[in-house]
Amino acid sequence: MTLIRLNVQAKREGESITGLAKQVRFAAVIALNRTVEEAHADIRRGIRQRFVVRVPSFILPPQQLPKIWRATKERPSAFFALGDDDGGSGGIGARREAILTKFEAGGRKTASDPSFPIAIPTRAIRPSPQVLVPRALYPKNLRLTPRLEASGATVPALRRGKVRTLEGRAVGSKKRRRELGLQGIGGTFTIATPDRSIGIFQRTGRGRGNIRLIWAFRQSIPIPARLQWVETAERIAGTRLQPNFEGALEFALRTAR
């Protein structure tokens, strides 16, 4: 997502900055940082209201403005951002931004590979929206989707053992397994029909009916436009930057030496 900057420039006279202009610059820095912190507080409240927040420390933008985002005398710009590059592409900030950015404009998420649809957890493993699904039950950890390791190597999904049809018949040939699904770890397997994938099931006992659907497959899902990132930035900047600047300038002039 594009970073939104708030700028207030101190006036210059020739190449030197007057005493008043120094206080203006000082006040601008205070106002910028305060305004962006207020914007972060507002977007944090909005995310809590409009999203299901399971891990606040991960999904919510920082409450205190990180040093690298703060305005300074040398750089009178403050950053309103979901995440930074600290930690690289695998860092918390980058992952948070990747998750939330798509909810600004909204749209649809479509599976990049029709053979591996989008998996939606069922109530069997997520009884309520606030519950975290155990990471061991993620499709990639069940070896039912390709998994990218830290080394950069891709571990393919498993195609072994017998795969069940919707009627409960076991199919052993490699060709039919490729057509009907995969068998993974912990008694899990996928079921598919000739025209669509159904989901990931887990065997809970020896009987024919002792299975449960733990992930439902979808080729496409809607993404609601609920982040309101730009709207928050514009509203807070429009209503709070000037009052913050005036208050900071009054303070700067009163305490100037």
C-alpha atoms as a PDB file:
ATOM      1  CA  MET A   1       0.000   0.000   0.000  1.00  0.00           C
ATOM      2  CA  THR A   2       1.240   3.507  -0.758  1.00  0.00           C
ATOM      3  CA  LEU A   3       2.411   5.305   2.355  1.00  0.00           C
ATOM      4  CA  ILE A   4       0.481   8.463   3.133  1.00  0.00           C
ATOM      5  CA  ARG A   5       2.602  11.420   4.175  1.00  0.00           C
ATOM      6  CA  LEU A   6       1.551  14.539   6.036  1.00  0.00           C
ATOM      7  CA  ASN A   7       3.792  17.528   5.343  1.00  0.00           C
ATOM      8  CA  VAL A   8       4.157  20.951   6.900  1.00  0.00           C
ATOM      9  CA  GLN A   9       7.140  22.962   5.666  1.00  0.00           C
ATOM     10  CA  ALA A  10       8.723  25.796   7.657  1.00  0.00           C
ATOM     11  CA  LYS A  11       9.228  29.008   5.674  1.00  0.00           C
ATOM     12  CA  ARG A  12      12.795  29.901   4.733  1.00  0.00           C
ATOM     13  CA  GLU A  13      14.318  33.339   4.247  1.00  0.00           C
ATOM     14  CA  GLY A  14      17.224  33.042   1.856  1.00  0.00           C
ATOM     15  CA  GLU A  15      19.511  30.246   3.018  1.00  0.00           C
ATOM     16  CA  SER A  16      18.957  30.761   6.748  1.00  0.00           C
ATOM     17  CA  ILE A  17      16.057  29.846   8.997  1.00  0.00           C
ATOM     18  CA  THR A  18      14.859  32.595  11.332  1.00  0.00           C
ATOM     19  CA  GLY A  19      14.189  31.961  15.008  1.00  0.00           C
ATOM     20  CA  LEU A  20      10.454  31.976  14.364  1.00  0.00           C
ATOM     21  CA  ALA A  21      10.838  29.585  11.470  1.00  0.00           C
ATOM     22  CA  LYS A  22      12.795  27.216  13.700  1.00  0.00           C
ATOM     23  CA  GLN A  23       9.873  27.115  16.105  1.00  0.00           C
ATOM     24  CA  VAL A  24       7.493  26.576  13.187  1.00  0.00           C
ATOM     25  CA  ARG A  25       9.580  23.623  12.059  1.00  0.00           C
ATOM     26  CA  PHE A  26       9.684  22.247  15.614  1.00  0.00           C
ATOM     27  CA  ALA A  27       5.907  22.620  15.933  1.00  0.00           C
ATOM     28  CA  ALA A  28       5.376  20.969  12.549  1.00  0.00           C
ATOM     29  CA  VAL A  29       7.336  17.902  13.662  1.00  0.00           C
ATOM     30  CA  ILE A  30       5.284  17.580  16.855  1.00  0.00           C
ATOM     31  CA  ALA A  31       1.999  18.070  14.975  1.00  0.00           C
ATOM     32  CA  LEU A  32       2.870  15.559  12.281  1.00  0.00           C
ATOM     33  CA  ASN A  33       3.812  12.812  14.701  1.00  0.00           C
ATOM     34  CA  ARG A  34       0.801  13.470  16.916  1.00  0.00           C
ATOM     35  CA  THR A  35      -1.593  13.476  13.955  1.00  0.00           C
ATOM     36  CA  VAL A  36      -0.267  10.243  12.513  1.00  0.00           C
ATOM     37  CA  GLU A  37      -0.408   8.581  15.931  1.00  0.00           C
ATOM     38  CA  GLU A  38      -4.062   9.657  16.157  1.00  0.00           C
ATOM     39  CA  ALA A  39      -4.649   8.176  12.697  1.00  0.00           C
ATOM     40  CA  HIS A  40      -3.075   4.904  13.807  1.00  0.00           C
ATOM     41  CA  ALA A  41      -5.249   4.856  16.930  1.00  0.00           C
ATOM     42  CA  ASP A  42      -8.340   5.430  14.760  1.00  0.00           C
ATOM     43  CA  ILE A  43      -7.486   2.710  12.243  1.00  0.00           C
ATOM     44  CA  ARG A  44      -6.756   0.281  15.094  1.00  0.00           C
ATOM     45  CA  ARG A  45     -10.249   0.945  16.500  1.00  0.00           C
ATOM     46  CA  GLY A  46     -11.727   0.536  13.024  1.00  0.00           C
ATOM     47  CA  ILE A  47      -9.981  -2.779  12.423  1.00  0.00           C
ATOM     48  CA  ARG A  48     -11.255  -4.093  15.752  1.00  0.00           C
ATOM     49  CA  GLN A  49     -14.803  -3.028  14.837  1.00  0.00           C
ATOM     50  CA  ARG A  50     -14.853  -4.229  11.222  1.00  0.00           C
ATOM     51  CA  PHE A  51     -12.659  -7.360  11.353  1.00  0.00           C
ATOM     52  CA  VAL A  52     -12.417 -10.471  13.473  1.00  0.00           C
ATOM     53  CA  VAL A  53      -9.132  -9.851  15.299  1.00  0.00           C
ATOM     54  CA  ARG A  54      -7.666 -13.113  16.567  1.00  0.00           C
ATOM     55  CA  VAL A  55      -4.078 -11.959  17.260  1.00  0.00           C
ATOM     56  CA  PRO A  56      -4.068  -8.201  18.000  1.00  0.00           C
ATOM     57  CA  SER A  57      -0.279  -8.011  18.365  1.00  0.00           C
ATOM     58  CA  PHE A  58       0.080  -9.267  14.803  1.00  0.00           C
ATOM     59  CA  ILE A  59      -2.763  -7.722  12.819  1.00  0.00           C
ATOM     60  CA  LEU A  60      -3.058  -4.243  14.393  1.00  0.00           C
ATOM     61  CA  PRO A  61      -0.702  -1.466  13.209  1.00  0.00           C
ATOM     62  CA  PRO A  62       1.694  -0.180  15.887  1.00  0.00           C
ATOM     63  CA  GLN A  63       0.150   2.006  18.575  1.00  0.00           C
ATOM     64  CA  GLN A  64       3.314   4.019  19.130  1.00  0.00           C
ATOM     65  CA  LEU A  65       4.767   5.497  15.956  1.00  0.00           C
ATOM     66  CA  PRO A  66       7.997   3.614  15.085  1.00  0.00           C
ATOM     67  CA  LYS A  67      11.138   5.742  14.973  1.00  0.00           C
ATOM     68  CA  ILE A  68      11.632   5.237  11.242  1.00  0.00           C
ATOM     69  CA  TRP A  69       8.111   6.616  10.565  1.00  0.00           C
ATOM     70  CA  ARG A  70       8.439   9.692  12.770  1.00  0.00           C
ATOM     71  CA  ALA A  71       8.938  13.190  11.404  1.00  0.00           C
ATOM     72  CA  THR A  72      12.191  14.934  12.333  1.00  0.00           C
ATOM     73  CA  LYS A  73      13.648  18.403  11.836  1.00  0.00           C
ATOM     74  CA  GLU A  74      15.561  17.062   8.843  1.00  0.00           C
ATOM     75  CA  ARG A  75      12.556  15.190   7.420  1.00  0.00           C
ATOM     76  CA  PRO A  76       9.250  16.953   8.122  1.00  0.00           C
ATOM     77  CA  SER A  77       7.136  14.003   6.965  1.00  0.00           C
ATOM     78  CA  ALA A  78       5.452  11.319   9.051  1.00  0.00           C
ATOM     79  CA  PHE A  79       4.297   7.942   7.768  1.00  0.00           C
ATOM     80  CA  PHE A  80       0.871   6.392   8.208  1.00  0.00           C
ATOM     81  CA  ALA A  81       1.465   2.749   7.349  1.00  0.00           C
ATOM     82  CA  LEU A  82       0.303  -0.769   8.067  1.00  0.00           C
ATOM     83  CA  GLY A  83       3.798  -2.232   8.169  1.00  0.00           C
ATOM     84  CA  ASP A  84       7.395  -1.473   7.312  1.00  0.00           C
ATOM     85  CA  ASP A  85      10.238  -3.461   5.777  1.00  0.00           C
ATOM     86  CA  ASP A  86      11.760  -4.400   9.111  1.00  0.00           C
ATOM     87  CA  GLY A  87      12.298  -8.142   8.906  1.00  0.00           C
ATOM     88  CA  GLY A  88      11.989  -8.227   5.117  1.00  0.00           C
ATOM     89  CA  SER A  89       9.154  -9.850   3.208  1.00  0.00           C
ATOM     90  CA  GLY A  90       8.680 -12.397   5.996  1.00  0.00           C
ATOM     91  CA  GLY A  91       8.497  -9.797   8.769  1.00  0.00           C
ATOM     92  CA  ILE A  92       5.335  -8.986  10.709  1.00  0.00           C
ATOM     93  CA  GLY A  93       4.890  -5.604   9.038  1.00  0.00           C
ATOM     94  CA  ALA A  94       5.102  -6.964   5.496  1.00  0.00           C
ATOM     95  CA  ARG A  95       2.783  -9.865   6.299  1.00  0.00           C
ATOM     96  CA  ARG A  96       0.263  -7.542   7.986  1.00  0.00           C
ATOM     97  CA  GLU A  97       0.281  -5.248   4.955  1.00  0.00           C
ATOM     98  CA  ALA A  98      -0.168  -8.183   2.559  1.00  0.00           C
ATOM     99  CA  ILE A  99      -3.189  -9.418   4.532  1.00  0.00           C
ATOM    100  CA  LEU A 100      -4.971  -6.097   5.049  1.00  0.00           C
ATOM    101  CA  THR A 101      -4.223  -4.107   1.886  1.00  0.00           C
ATOM    102  CA  LYS A 102      -6.678  -6.064  -0.270  1.00  0.00           C
ATOM    103  CA  PHE A 103      -9.526  -4.991   2.037  1.00  0.00           C
ATOM    104  CA  GLU A 104      -9.136  -1.333   1.036  1.00  0.00           C
ATOM    105  CA  ALA A 105     -10.604  -1.591  -2.467  1.00  0.00           C
ATOM    106  CA  GLY A 106     -12.226  -4.998  -1.980  1.00  0.00           C
ATOM    107  CA  GLY A 107     -13.017  -7.336  -4.855  1.00  0.00           C
ATOM    108  CA  ARG A 108     -12.586 -11.085  -5.156  1.00  0.00           C
ATOM    109  CA  LYS A 109      -9.816 -13.511  -4.325  1.00  0.00           C
ATOM    110  CA  THR A 110      -9.426 -16.301  -6.881  1.00  0.00           C
ATOM    111  CA  ALA A 111      -7.325 -19.417  -6.517  1.00  0.00           C
ATOM    112  CA  SER A 112      -4.123 -19.064  -8.524  1.00  0.00           C
ATOM    113  CA  ASP A 113      -4.168 -22.798  -9.266  1.00  0.00           C
ATOM    114  CA  PRO A 114      -7.582 -24.475  -9.801  1.00  0.00           C
ATOM    115  CA  SER A 115      -6.070 -27.727  -8.525  1.00  0.00           C
ATOM    116  CA  PHE A 116      -5.559 -26.106  -5.114  1.00  0.00           C
ATOM    117  CA  PRO A 117      -8.656 -23.986  -4.336  1.00  0.00           C
ATOM    118  CA  ILE A 118      -9.021 -21.539  -1.466  1.00  0.00           C
ATOM    119  CA  ALA A 119      -9.608 -23.497   1.746  1.00  0.00           C
ATOM    120  CA  ILE A 120     -12.183 -22.177   4.244  1.00  0.00           C
ATOM    121  CA  PRO A 121     -12.100 -23.704   7.767  1.00  0.00           C
ATOM    122  CA  THR A 122     -15.337 -25.323   8.905  1.00  0.00           C
ATOM    123  CA  ARG A 123     -16.857 -25.310  12.392  1.00  0.00           C
ATOM    124  CA  ALA A 124     -15.168 -28.657  13.013  1.00  0.00           C
ATOM    125  CA  ILE A 125     -11.849 -26.854  13.536  1.00  0.00           C
ATOM    126  CA  ARG A 126     -13.081 -23.255  14.048  1.00  0.00           C
ATOM    127  CA  PRO A 127     -16.206 -23.457  16.255  1.00  0.00           C
ATOM    128  CA  SER A 128     -16.455 -19.645  16.341  1.00  0.00           C
ATOM    129  CA  PRO A 129     -14.874 -16.871  14.251  1.00  0.00           C
ATOM    130  CA  GLN A 130     -12.570 -15.867  17.129  1.00  0.00           C
ATOM    131  CA  VAL A 131     -10.931 -19.312  17.403  1.00  0.00           C
ATOM    132  CA  LEU A 132      -7.497 -19.843  15.895  1.00  0.00           C
ATOM    133  CA  VAL A 133      -7.159 -22.910  13.673  1.00  0.00           C
ATOM    134  CA  PRO A 134      -4.245 -25.083  14.876  1.00  0.00           C
ATOM    135  CA  ARG A 135      -1.337 -24.561  12.499  1.00  0.00           C
ATOM    136  CA  ALA A 136      -0.853 -28.329  12.298  1.00  0.00           C
ATOM    137  CA  LEU A 137      -4.223 -28.505  10.507  1.00  0.00           C
ATOM    138  CA  TYR A 138      -3.352 -25.972   7.809  1.00  0.00           C
ATOM    139  CA  PRO A 139      -3.587 -27.636   4.366  1.00  0.00           C
ATOM    140  CA  LYS A 140       0.107 -27.038   3.637  1.00  0.00           C
ATOM    141  CA  ASN A 141       1.091 -28.674   6.947  1.00  0.00           C
ATOM    142  CA  LEU A 142      -1.185 -31.610   6.169  1.00  0.00           C
ATOM    143  CA  ARG A 143       0.760 -31.877   2.893  1.00  0.00           C
ATOM    144  CA  LEU A 144      -2.401 -31.271   0.891  1.00  0.00           C
ATOM    145  CA  THR A 145      -1.062 -28.167  -0.850  1.00  0.00           C
ATOM    146  CA  PRO A 146       2.499 -27.357  -1.935  1.00  0.00           C
ATOM    147  CA  ARG A 147       4.569 -25.853   0.875  1.00  0.00           C
ATOM    148  CA  LEU A 148       7.406 -23.354   0.457  1.00  0.00           C
ATOM    149  CA  GLU A 149      10.208 -23.969   2.956  1.00  0.00           C
ATOM    150  CA  ALA A 150      12.615 -21.382   4.375  1.00  0.00           C
ATOM    151  CA  SER A 151      15.341 -22.733   2.096  1.00  0.00           C
ATOM    152  CA  GLY A 152      13.226 -21.797  -0.924  1.00  0.00           C
ATOM    153  CA  ALA A 153      12.460 -25.422  -1.791  1.00  0.00           C
ATOM    154  CA  THR A 154       8.866 -26.381  -2.575  1.00  0.00           C
ATOM    155  CA  VAL A 155       7.522 -29.495  -0.875  1.00  0.00           C
ATOM    156  CA  PRO A 156       4.824 -30.915  -3.152  1.00  0.00           C
ATOM    157  CA  ALA A 157       1.432 -32.093  -1.968  1.00  0.00           C
ATOM    158  CA  LEU A 158       1.157 -35.822  -1.287  1.00  0.00           C
ATOM    159  CA  ARG A 159      -0.399 -38.239  -3.729  1.00  0.00           C
ATOM    160  CA  ARG A 160      -0.187 -41.561  -1.999  1.00  0.00           C
ATOM    161  CA  GLY A 161      -2.344 -44.264  -0.479  1.00  0.00           C
ATOM    162  CA  LYS A 162      -6.016 -44.653  -1.215  1.00  0.00           C
ATOM    163  CA  VAL A 163      -8.411 -41.812  -1.924  1.00  0.00           C
ATOM    164  CA  ARG A 164     -12.137 -42.059  -1.190  1.00  0.00           C
ATOM    165  CA  THR A 165     -14.856 -41.120  -3.623  1.00  0.00           C
ATOM    166  CA  LEU A 166     -18.063 -39.444  -2.494  1.00  0.00           C
ATOM    167  CA  GLU A 167     -19.669 -42.892  -2.390  1.00  0.00           C
ATOM    168  CA  GLY A 168     -16.962 -44.135  -0.028  1.00  0.00           C
ATOM    169  CA  ARG A 169     -15.179 -46.398  -2.496  1.00  0.00           C
ATOM    170  CA  ALA A 170     -11.392 -46.563  -2.173  1.00  0.00           C
ATOM    171  CA  VAL A 171      -9.458 -45.794  -5.339  1.00  0.00           C
ATOM    172  CA  GLY A 172      -5.861 -46.946  -5.557  1.00  0.00           C
ATOM    173  CA  SER A 173      -4.623 -46.257  -9.068  1.00  0.00           C
ATOM    174  CA  LYS A 174      -2.324 -43.257  -9.523  1.00  0.00           C
ATOM    175  CA  LYS A 175      -4.421 -41.916 -12.378  1.00  0.00           C
ATOM    176  CA  ARG A 176      -7.667 -41.989 -10.402  1.00  0.00           C
ATOM    177  CA  ARG A 177      -5.955 -40.489  -7.327  1.00  0.00           C
ATOM    178  CA  ARG A 178      -4.790 -37.580  -9.445  1.00  0.00           C
ATOM    179  CA  GLU A 179      -8.360 -37.095 -10.625  1.00  0.00           C
ATOM    180  CA  LEU A 180     -10.073 -37.492  -7.284  1.00  0.00           C
ATOM    181  CA  GLY A 181      -7.773 -35.954  -4.717  1.00  0.00           C
ATOM    182  CA  LEU A 182      -4.860 -36.251  -2.340  1.00  0.00           C
ATOM    183  CA  GLN A 183      -4.200 -38.096   0.882  1.00  0.00           C
ATOM    184  CA  GLY A 184      -2.357 -36.185   3.570  1.00  0.00           C
ATOM    185  CA  ILE A 185      -1.205 -36.453   7.165  1.00  0.00           C
ATOM    186  CA  GLY A 186      -3.295 -37.365  10.205  1.00  0.00           C
ATOM    187  CA  GLY A 187      -6.038 -39.236   8.393  1.00  0.00           C
ATOM    188  CA  THR A 188      -6.793 -36.324   6.078  1.00  0.00           C
ATOM    189  CA  PHE A 189      -7.666 -36.446   2.408  1.00  0.00           C
ATOM    190  CA  THR A 190      -9.335 -34.358  -0.248  1.00  0.00           C
ATOM    191  CA  ILE A 191     -12.439 -35.311  -2.168  1.00  0.00           C
ATOM    192  CA  ALA A 192     -13.188 -34.063  -5.656  1.00  0.00           C
ATOM    193  CA  THR A 193     -15.718 -34.691  -8.386  1.00  0.00           C
ATOM    194  CA  PRO A 194     -14.872 -34.514 -12.089  1.00  0.00           C
ATOM    195  CA  ASP A 195     -15.947 -30.858 -12.197  1.00  0.00           C
ATOM    196  CA  ARG A 196     -15.004 -29.461  -8.786  1.00  0.00           C
ATOM    197  CA  SER A 197     -13.092 -29.999  -5.525  1.00  0.00           C
ATOM    198  CA  ILE A 198     -15.182 -30.460  -2.385  1.00  0.00           C
ATOM    199  CA  GLY A 199     -12.779 -29.999   0.505  1.00  0.00           C
ATOM    200  CA  ILE A 200     -10.453 -31.588   3.007  1.00  0.00           C
ATOM    201  CA  PHE A 201     -11.848 -34.365   5.172  1.00  0.00           C
ATOM    202  CA  GLN A 202     -10.397 -36.095   8.232  1.00  0.00           C
ATOM    203  CA  ARG A 203     -11.054 -39.656   9.272  1.00  0.00           C
ATOM    204  CA  THR A 204     -12.226 -39.917  12.890  1.00  0.00           C
ATOM    205  CA  GLY A 205     -12.735 -43.692  13.084  1.00  0.00           C
ATOM    206  CA  ARG A 206     -12.788 -46.910  11.119  1.00  0.00           C
ATOM    207  CA  GLY A 207     -16.381 -46.762  10.009  1.00  0.00           C
ATOM    208  CA  ARG A 208     -17.406 -45.527   6.562  1.00  0.00           C
ATOM    209  CA  GLY A 209     -19.173 -42.486   7.984  1.00  0.00           C
ATOM    210  CA  ASN A 210     -16.520 -41.573  10.542  1.00  0.00           C
ATOM    211  CA  ILE A 211     -15.171 -38.576   8.672  1.00  0.00           C
ATOM    212  CA  ARG A 212     -15.559 -34.839   9.105  1.00  0.00           C
ATOM    213  CA  LEU A 213     -15.156 -31.938   6.703  1.00  0.00           C
ATOM    214  CA  ILE A 214     -12.480 -29.616   8.115  1.00  0.00           C
ATOM    215  CA  TRP A 215     -11.845 -27.326   5.110  1.00  0.00           C
ATOM    216  CA  ALA A 216     -14.319 -26.389   2.381  1.00  0.00           C
ATOM    217  CA  PHE A 217     -12.901 -25.482  -1.029  1.00  0.00           C
ATOM    218  CA  ARG A 218     -13.835 -22.396  -3.043  1.00  0.00           C
ATOM    219  CA  GLN A 219     -12.357 -21.253  -6.330  1.00  0.00           C
ATOM    220  CA  SER A 220     -13.240 -17.644  -5.525  1.00  0.00           C
ATOM    221  CA  ILE A 221     -14.354 -15.683  -2.445  1.00  0.00           C
ATOM    222  CA  PRO A 222     -15.525 -12.057  -2.010  1.00  0.00           C
ATOM    223  CA  ILE A 223     -13.264  -9.502  -0.310  1.00  0.00           C
ATOM    224  CA  PRO A 224     -15.271  -6.707   1.343  1.00  0.00           C
ATOM    225  CA  ALA A 225     -13.917  -3.136   1.211  1.00  0.00           C
ATOM    226  CA  ARG A 226     -13.782  -2.642   4.967  1.00  0.00           C
ATOM    227  CA  LEU A 227     -10.283  -1.319   5.757  1.00  0.00           C
ATOM    228  CA  GLN A 228     -11.088   2.401   5.139  1.00  0.00           C
ATOM    229  CA  TRP A 229      -7.397   3.278   5.146  1.00  0.00           C
ATOM    230  CA  VAL A 230      -7.471   6.302   2.836  1.00  0.00           C
ATOM    231  CA  GLU A 231     -10.717   7.576   4.362  1.00  0.00           C
ATOM    232  CA  THR A 232      -9.153   7.424   7.838  1.00  0.00           C
ATOM    233  CA  ALA A 233      -5.985   9.231   6.736  1.00  0.00           C
ATOM    234  CA  GLU A 234      -7.883  12.010   4.981  1.00  0.00           C
ATOM    235  CA  ARG A 235     -10.362  12.474   7.820  1.00  0.00           C
ATOM    236  CA  ILE A 236      -7.769  12.623  10.593  1.00  0.00           C
ATOM    237  CA  ALA A 237      -5.417  14.828   8.577  1.00  0.00           C
ATOM    238  CA  GLY A 238      -8.253  17.166   7.665  1.00  0.00           C
ATOM    239  CA  THR A 239      -9.610  17.534  11.197  1.00  0.00           C
ATOM    240  CA  ARG A 240      -6.592  17.095  13.454  1.00  0.00           C
ATOM    241  CA  LEU A 241      -3.447  18.348  11.693  1.00  0.00           C
ATOM    242  CA  GLN A 242      -4.244  22.072  11.972  1.00  0.00           C
ATOM    243  CA  PRO A 243      -5.340  21.976  15.649  1.00  0.00           C
ATOM    244  CA  ASN A 244      -2.295  19.870  16.516  1.00  0.00           C
ATOM    245  CA  PHE A 245      -0.027  22.308  14.678  1.00  0.00           C
ATOM    246  CA  GLU A 246      -1.541  25.343  16.395  1.00  0.00           C
ATOM    247  CA  GLY A 247      -1.231  23.729  19.817  1.00  0.00           C
ATOM    248  CA  ALA A 248       2.333  22.646  19.144  1.00  0.00           C
ATOM    249  CA  LEU A 249       3.286  26.110  17.846  1.00  0.00           C
ATOM    250  CA  GLU A 250       1.853  27.787  20.933  1.00  0.00           C
ATOM    251  CA  PHE A 251       3.883  25.393  23.087  1.00  0.00           C
ATOM    252  CA  ALA A 252       7.041  25.954  20.997  1.00  0.00           C
ATOM    253  CA  LEU A 253       6.788  29.754  21.223  1.00  0.00           C
ATOM    254  CA  ARG A 254       6.017  29.699  24.936  1.00  0.00           C
ATOM    255  CA  THR A 255       9.008  27.496  25.741  1.00  0.00           C
ATOM    256  CA  ALA A 256      11.451  29.016  23.197  1.00  0.00           C
ATOM    257  CA  ARG A 257      14.757  30.120  24.649  1.00  0.00           C
END
